[in-house]
Amino acid sequence: MKGTYLGEFEELVLLTVGILMEDAYGLSVLTELEKQTDRSIMISSVHKTLVRLEEKGFLKSHMGGATSVRGGRDKRLYQLTRAGIKALNQSRELRSEMWKQVPSIIWEGGK
């Protein structure tokens, strides 16, 4: 398995694959990411990240059936692996622990 560090965009893509479950493919991931983040995202960024996450062992993919909507082309469907779920849990735990350490005075507007 390639490196286990997750960048912010990688984490968002993994979370999106988890949200979409069995309907996670390039365009559906892009659409959901744009909806969730209110960002404009390039499809090439999504595809590169999906491939990289699969190389890291966090995702696995298989070819889905062809549809007339896609002009008869198959789509590559993605799903989280155990390693992907573990990486997301570790990321969530790290962020949660760090958020707990931020002094409450910062959130109270300096009172």
N, C-alpha and C. Protein backbone atom coordinates (compact mmCIF):
# COMPACT_ATOMS: atom_id res chain seq x y z
N MET A 1 0.84 -1.17 0.00
CA MET A 1 0.00 0.00 0.00
C MET A 1 0.89 1.24 0.00
N LYS A 2 0.57 2.19 -0.86
CA LYS A 2 1.29 3.46 -0.93
C LYS A 2 1.07 4.21 0.38
N GLY A 3 1.61 5.41 0.53
CA GLY A 3 1.51 6.19 1.76
C GLY A 3 0.11 6.28 2.32
N THR A 4 0.01 6.47 3.63
CA THR A 4 -1.29 6.49 4.28
C THR A 4 -1.76 7.90 4.63
N TYR A 5 -0.95 8.91 4.37
CA TYR A 5 -1.36 10.28 4.66
C TYR A 5 -2.53 10.67 3.76
N LEU A 6 -3.53 11.32 4.34
CA LEU A 6 -4.67 11.80 3.57
C LEU A 6 -4.63 13.32 3.48
N GLY A 7 -4.62 13.85 2.28
CA GLY A 7 -4.77 15.28 2.09
C GLY A 7 -6.24 15.64 2.24
N GLU A 8 -6.53 16.93 2.34
CA GLU A 8 -7.91 17.37 2.55
C GLU A 8 -8.83 16.89 1.42
N PHE A 9 -8.41 17.08 0.18
CA PHE A 9 -9.26 16.68 -0.94
C PHE A 9 -9.44 15.17 -0.98
N GLU A 10 -8.38 14.43 -0.67
CA GLU A 10 -8.49 12.97 -0.62
C GLU A 10 -9.52 12.55 0.44
N GLU A 11 -9.47 13.20 1.58
CA GLU A 11 -10.42 12.88 2.64
C GLU A 11 -11.85 13.18 2.19
N LEU A 12 -12.05 14.31 1.53
CA LEU A 12 -13.38 14.65 1.03
C LEU A 12 -13.87 13.65 -0.01
N VAL A 13 -12.98 13.20 -0.88
CA VAL A 13 -13.36 12.21 -1.89
C VAL A 13 -13.73 10.89 -1.22
N LEU A 14 -12.94 10.45 -0.24
CA LEU A 14 -13.27 9.21 0.48
C LEU A 14 -14.62 9.32 1.18
N LEU A 15 -14.86 10.44 1.84
CA LEU A 15 -16.14 10.64 2.51
C LEU A 15 -17.28 10.60 1.50
N THR A 16 -17.07 11.19 0.34
CA THR A 16 -18.11 11.21 -0.69
C THR A 16 -18.39 9.81 -1.21
N VAL A 17 -17.36 9.02 -1.41
CA VAL A 17 -17.56 7.63 -1.83
C VAL A 17 -18.38 6.90 -0.76
N GLY A 18 -18.10 7.17 0.50
CA GLY A 18 -18.87 6.57 1.58
C GLY A 18 -20.33 7.01 1.56
N ILE A 19 -20.56 8.25 1.25
CA ILE A 19 -21.93 8.77 1.17
C ILE A 19 -22.70 8.11 0.02
N LEU A 20 -22.04 8.00 -1.11
CA LEU A 20 -22.71 7.49 -2.32
C LEU A 20 -22.86 5.98 -2.34
N MET A 21 -22.06 5.29 -1.55
CA MET A 21 -22.09 3.83 -1.48
C MET A 21 -21.92 3.20 -2.87
N GLU A 22 -22.87 2.38 -3.31
CA GLU A 22 -22.69 1.65 -4.57
C GLU A 22 -22.89 2.49 -5.81
N ASP A 23 -23.19 3.78 -5.67
CA ASP A 23 -23.35 4.66 -6.82
C ASP A 23 -22.18 5.64 -6.95
N ALA A 24 -21.02 5.27 -6.41
CA ALA A 24 -19.86 6.16 -6.43
C ALA A 24 -19.02 5.91 -7.68
N TYR A 25 -19.11 6.82 -8.63
CA TYR A 25 -18.27 6.82 -9.82
C TYR A 25 -17.86 8.26 -10.07
N GLY A 26 -16.95 8.49 -10.99
CA GLY A 26 -16.36 9.82 -11.17
C GLY A 26 -17.33 10.98 -11.15
N LEU A 27 -18.32 10.96 -12.03
CA LEU A 27 -19.24 12.09 -12.14
C LEU A 27 -20.13 12.23 -10.91
N SER A 28 -20.59 11.12 -10.35
CA SER A 28 -21.44 11.21 -9.15
C SER A 28 -20.64 11.75 -7.96
N VAL A 29 -19.36 11.37 -7.88
CA VAL A 29 -18.50 11.90 -6.82
C VAL A 29 -18.32 13.40 -7.01
N LEU A 30 -18.05 13.83 -8.23
CA LEU A 30 -17.91 15.26 -8.53
C LEU A 30 -19.16 16.03 -8.13
N THR A 31 -20.32 15.55 -8.56
CA THR A 31 -21.58 16.25 -8.29
C THR A 31 -21.84 16.36 -6.80
N GLU A 32 -21.64 15.27 -6.07
CA GLU A 32 -21.87 15.28 -4.62
C GLU A 32 -20.87 16.17 -3.90
N LEU A 33 -19.61 16.13 -4.33
CA LEU A 33 -18.58 16.99 -3.73
C LEU A 33 -18.91 18.46 -3.91
N GLU A 34 -19.32 18.83 -5.12
CA GLU A 34 -19.67 20.23 -5.38
C GLU A 34 -20.87 20.65 -4.54
N LYS A 35 -21.83 19.76 -4.38
CA LYS A 35 -23.01 20.05 -3.56
C LYS A 35 -22.63 20.21 -2.09
N GLN A 36 -21.81 19.29 -1.59
CA GLN A 36 -21.44 19.31 -0.17
C GLN A 36 -20.51 20.46 0.20
N THR A 37 -19.59 20.82 -0.71
CA THR A 37 -18.56 21.81 -0.38
C THR A 37 -18.84 23.19 -0.94
N ASP A 38 -19.81 23.30 -1.83
CA ASP A 38 -20.11 24.56 -2.51
C ASP A 38 -18.87 25.10 -3.22
N ARG A 39 -18.12 24.18 -3.81
CA ARG A 39 -16.92 24.51 -4.58
C ARG A 39 -17.12 24.06 -6.02
N SER A 40 -16.41 24.71 -6.93
CA SER A 40 -16.36 24.24 -8.31
C SER A 40 -15.13 23.35 -8.42
N ILE A 41 -15.32 22.13 -8.89
CA ILE A 41 -14.24 21.14 -8.92
C ILE A 41 -14.12 20.58 -10.32
N MET A 42 -12.89 20.37 -10.76
CA MET A 42 -12.65 19.79 -12.08
C MET A 42 -12.75 18.27 -12.01
N ILE A 43 -13.41 17.68 -13.01
CA ILE A 43 -13.57 16.23 -13.05
C ILE A 43 -12.22 15.52 -13.08
N SER A 44 -11.23 16.14 -13.72
CA SER A 44 -9.91 15.50 -13.77
C SER A 44 -9.29 15.39 -12.37
N SER A 45 -9.57 16.35 -11.51
CA SER A 45 -9.07 16.28 -10.13
C SER A 45 -9.70 15.11 -9.38
N VAL A 46 -10.99 14.91 -9.63
CA VAL A 46 -11.69 13.81 -8.98
C VAL A 46 -11.14 12.48 -9.48
N HIS A 47 -11.00 12.34 -10.80
CA HIS A 47 -10.49 11.08 -11.37
C HIS A 47 -9.08 10.78 -10.86
N LYS A 48 -8.20 11.77 -10.86
CA LYS A 48 -6.83 11.54 -10.38
C LYS A 48 -6.82 11.12 -8.92
N THR A 49 -7.69 11.74 -8.14
CA THR A 49 -7.74 11.42 -6.72
C THR A 49 -8.30 10.03 -6.49
N LEU A 50 -9.33 9.65 -7.24
CA LEU A 50 -9.88 8.30 -7.12
C LEU A 50 -8.81 7.25 -7.44
N VAL A 51 -8.05 7.48 -8.50
CA VAL A 51 -6.98 6.55 -8.88
C VAL A 51 -5.91 6.49 -7.79
N ARG A 52 -5.51 7.65 -7.27
CA ARG A 52 -4.49 7.70 -6.23
C ARG A 52 -4.97 6.97 -4.97
N LEU A 53 -6.22 7.18 -4.59
CA LEU A 53 -6.75 6.51 -3.40
C LEU A 53 -6.85 5.01 -3.59
N GLU A 54 -7.12 4.58 -4.82
CA GLU A 54 -7.11 3.14 -5.09
C GLU A 54 -5.70 2.59 -5.00
N GLU A 55 -4.72 3.34 -5.52
CA GLU A 55 -3.32 2.91 -5.42
C GLU A 55 -2.87 2.81 -3.98
N LYS A 56 -3.38 3.69 -3.12
CA LYS A 56 -3.03 3.67 -1.70
C LYS A 56 -3.75 2.54 -0.97
N GLY A 57 -4.72 1.92 -1.62
CA GLY A 57 -5.45 0.82 -1.00
C GLY A 57 -6.68 1.26 -0.22
N PHE A 58 -7.08 2.53 -0.35
CA PHE A 58 -8.22 3.04 0.39
C PHE A 58 -9.54 2.84 -0.35
N LEU A 59 -9.46 2.60 -1.63
CA LEU A 59 -10.64 2.34 -2.46
C LEU A 59 -10.37 1.11 -3.31
N LYS A 60 -11.45 0.45 -3.72
CA LYS A 60 -11.35 -0.56 -4.76
C LYS A 60 -12.42 -0.24 -5.79
N SER A 61 -12.20 -0.69 -7.01
CA SER A 61 -13.15 -0.35 -8.06
C SER A 61 -13.46 -1.57 -8.92
N HIS A 62 -14.56 -1.47 -9.62
CA HIS A 62 -14.94 -2.47 -10.61
C HIS A 62 -15.77 -1.77 -11.67
N MET A 63 -15.85 -2.40 -12.81
CA MET A 63 -16.62 -1.81 -13.90
C MET A 63 -18.09 -2.17 -13.73
N GLY A 64 -18.95 -1.13 -13.78
CA GLY A 64 -20.39 -1.33 -13.71
C GLY A 64 -20.93 -1.56 -15.11
N GLY A 65 -22.17 -1.87 -15.19
CA GLY A 65 -22.78 -2.14 -16.49
C GLY A 65 -22.93 -0.89 -17.34
N ALA A 66 -22.99 -1.10 -18.64
CA ALA A 66 -23.18 0.00 -19.59
C ALA A 66 -24.62 0.49 -19.52
N THR A 67 -24.79 1.79 -19.75
CA THR A 67 -26.14 2.36 -19.80
C THR A 67 -26.29 3.19 -21.05
N SER A 68 -27.53 3.34 -21.51
CA SER A 68 -27.78 4.16 -22.70
C SER A 68 -27.49 5.63 -22.41
N VAL A 69 -27.66 6.04 -21.16
CA VAL A 69 -27.37 7.42 -20.77
C VAL A 69 -25.89 7.74 -21.01
N ARG A 70 -25.03 6.76 -20.84
CA ARG A 70 -23.59 6.95 -21.03
C ARG A 70 -23.15 6.52 -22.41
N GLY A 71 -24.07 6.41 -23.35
CA GLY A 71 -23.70 6.01 -24.70
C GLY A 71 -23.19 4.59 -24.79
N GLY A 72 -23.65 3.73 -23.89
CA GLY A 72 -23.23 2.34 -23.91
C GLY A 72 -21.91 2.06 -23.22
N ARG A 73 -21.31 3.09 -22.62
CA ARG A 73 -20.02 2.90 -21.95
C ARG A 73 -20.22 2.44 -20.51
N ASP A 74 -19.31 1.59 -20.05
CA ASP A 74 -19.30 1.17 -18.65
C ASP A 74 -18.80 2.31 -17.78
N LYS A 75 -19.18 2.29 -16.50
CA LYS A 75 -18.61 3.25 -15.56
C LYS A 75 -17.85 2.50 -14.48
N ARG A 76 -16.77 3.12 -14.02
CA ARG A 76 -15.96 2.52 -12.95
C ARG A 76 -16.57 2.93 -11.62
N LEU A 77 -17.01 1.94 -10.86
CA LEU A 77 -17.63 2.18 -9.55
C LEU A 77 -16.60 1.96 -8.45
N TYR A 78 -16.63 2.82 -7.44
CA TYR A 78 -15.67 2.77 -6.34
C TYR A 78 -16.36 2.45 -5.03
N GLN A 79 -15.61 1.79 -4.14
CA GLN A 79 -16.09 1.57 -2.79
C GLN A 79 -14.92 1.62 -1.82
N LEU A 80 -15.24 1.99 -0.59
CA LEU A 80 -14.22 2.05 0.45
C LEU A 80 -13.72 0.66 0.79
N THR A 81 -12.44 0.57 1.09
CA THR A 81 -11.86 -0.67 1.61
C THR A 81 -11.77 -0.54 3.13
N ARG A 82 -11.38 -1.62 3.77
CA ARG A 82 -11.16 -1.56 5.23
C ARG A 82 -10.10 -0.50 5.55
N ALA A 83 -9.05 -0.45 4.73
CA ALA A 83 -7.99 0.53 4.94
C ALA A 83 -8.52 1.95 4.77
N GLY A 84 -9.43 2.15 3.82
CA GLY A 84 -10.03 3.47 3.61
C GLY A 84 -10.88 3.89 4.79
N ILE A 85 -11.65 2.97 5.32
CA ILE A 85 -12.48 3.25 6.49
C ILE A 85 -11.59 3.57 7.69
N LYS A 86 -10.51 2.80 7.84
CA LYS A 86 -9.56 3.04 8.93
C LYS A 86 -8.91 4.42 8.79
N ALA A 87 -8.52 4.78 7.58
CA ALA A 87 -7.89 6.09 7.35
C ALA A 87 -8.86 7.22 7.69
N LEU A 88 -10.13 7.07 7.31
CA LEU A 88 -11.13 8.09 7.64
C LEU A 88 -11.34 8.19 9.15
N ASN A 89 -11.40 7.06 9.82
CA ASN A 89 -11.57 7.08 11.28
C ASN A 89 -10.37 7.74 11.96
N GLN A 90 -9.16 7.43 11.50
CA GLN A 90 -7.97 8.03 12.09
C GLN A 90 -7.97 9.54 11.86
N SER A 91 -8.36 9.95 10.68
CA SER A 91 -8.42 11.38 10.36
C SER A 91 -9.44 12.09 11.26
N ARG A 92 -10.61 11.47 11.41
CA ARG A 92 -11.65 12.06 12.27
C ARG A 92 -11.17 12.17 13.71
N GLU A 93 -10.53 11.11 14.22
CA GLU A 93 -10.04 11.11 15.60
C GLU A 93 -8.98 12.18 15.81
N LEU A 94 -8.04 12.31 14.85
CA LEU A 94 -6.99 13.31 14.96
C LEU A 94 -7.59 14.71 14.99
N ARG A 95 -8.49 14.98 14.05
CA ARG A 95 -9.11 16.31 14.00
C ARG A 95 -9.91 16.59 15.28
N SER A 96 -10.63 15.62 15.75
CA SER A 96 -11.43 15.79 16.96
C SER A 96 -10.53 16.12 18.15
N GLU A 97 -9.45 15.37 18.31
CA GLU A 97 -8.52 15.62 19.42
C GLU A 97 -7.89 17.01 19.32
N MET A 98 -7.56 17.42 18.11
CA MET A 98 -6.94 18.74 17.94
C MET A 98 -7.96 19.86 18.22
N TRP A 99 -9.21 19.67 17.77
CA TRP A 99 -10.25 20.68 18.04
C TRP A 99 -10.47 20.84 19.54
N LYS A 100 -10.39 19.74 20.28
CA LYS A 100 -10.57 19.80 21.73
C LYS A 100 -9.48 20.62 22.41
N GLN A 101 -8.32 20.71 21.78
CA GLN A 101 -7.19 21.40 22.39
C GLN A 101 -7.18 22.91 22.11
N VAL A 102 -8.02 23.36 21.22
CA VAL A 102 -8.08 24.80 20.95
C VAL A 102 -8.76 25.47 22.14
N PRO A 103 -8.09 26.45 22.76
CA PRO A 103 -8.68 27.10 23.94
C PRO A 103 -10.05 27.70 23.63
N SER A 104 -10.97 27.51 24.57
CA SER A 104 -12.34 28.00 24.36
C SER A 104 -12.39 29.51 24.20
N ILE A 105 -11.39 30.20 24.70
CA ILE A 105 -11.37 31.67 24.57
C ILE A 105 -11.39 32.10 23.11
N ILE A 106 -10.82 31.30 22.25
CA ILE A 106 -10.84 31.63 20.82
C ILE A 106 -12.26 31.61 20.30
N TRP A 107 -13.06 30.67 20.74
CA TRP A 107 -14.43 30.54 20.24
C TRP A 107 -15.40 31.50 20.92
N GLU A 108 -14.96 32.06 22.05
CA GLU A 108 -15.83 33.01 22.77
C GLU A 108 -15.54 34.43 22.39
N GLY A 109 -14.79 34.65 21.33
CA GLY A 109 -14.51 36.00 20.85
C GLY A 109 -13.56 36.80 21.73
N GLY A 110 -12.69 36.11 22.44
CA GLY A 110 -11.67 36.80 23.25
C GLY A 110 -12.19 37.34 24.57
N LYS A 111 -13.33 36.86 25.06
CA LYS A 111 -13.89 37.34 26.34
C LYS A 111 -13.05 36.92 27.50
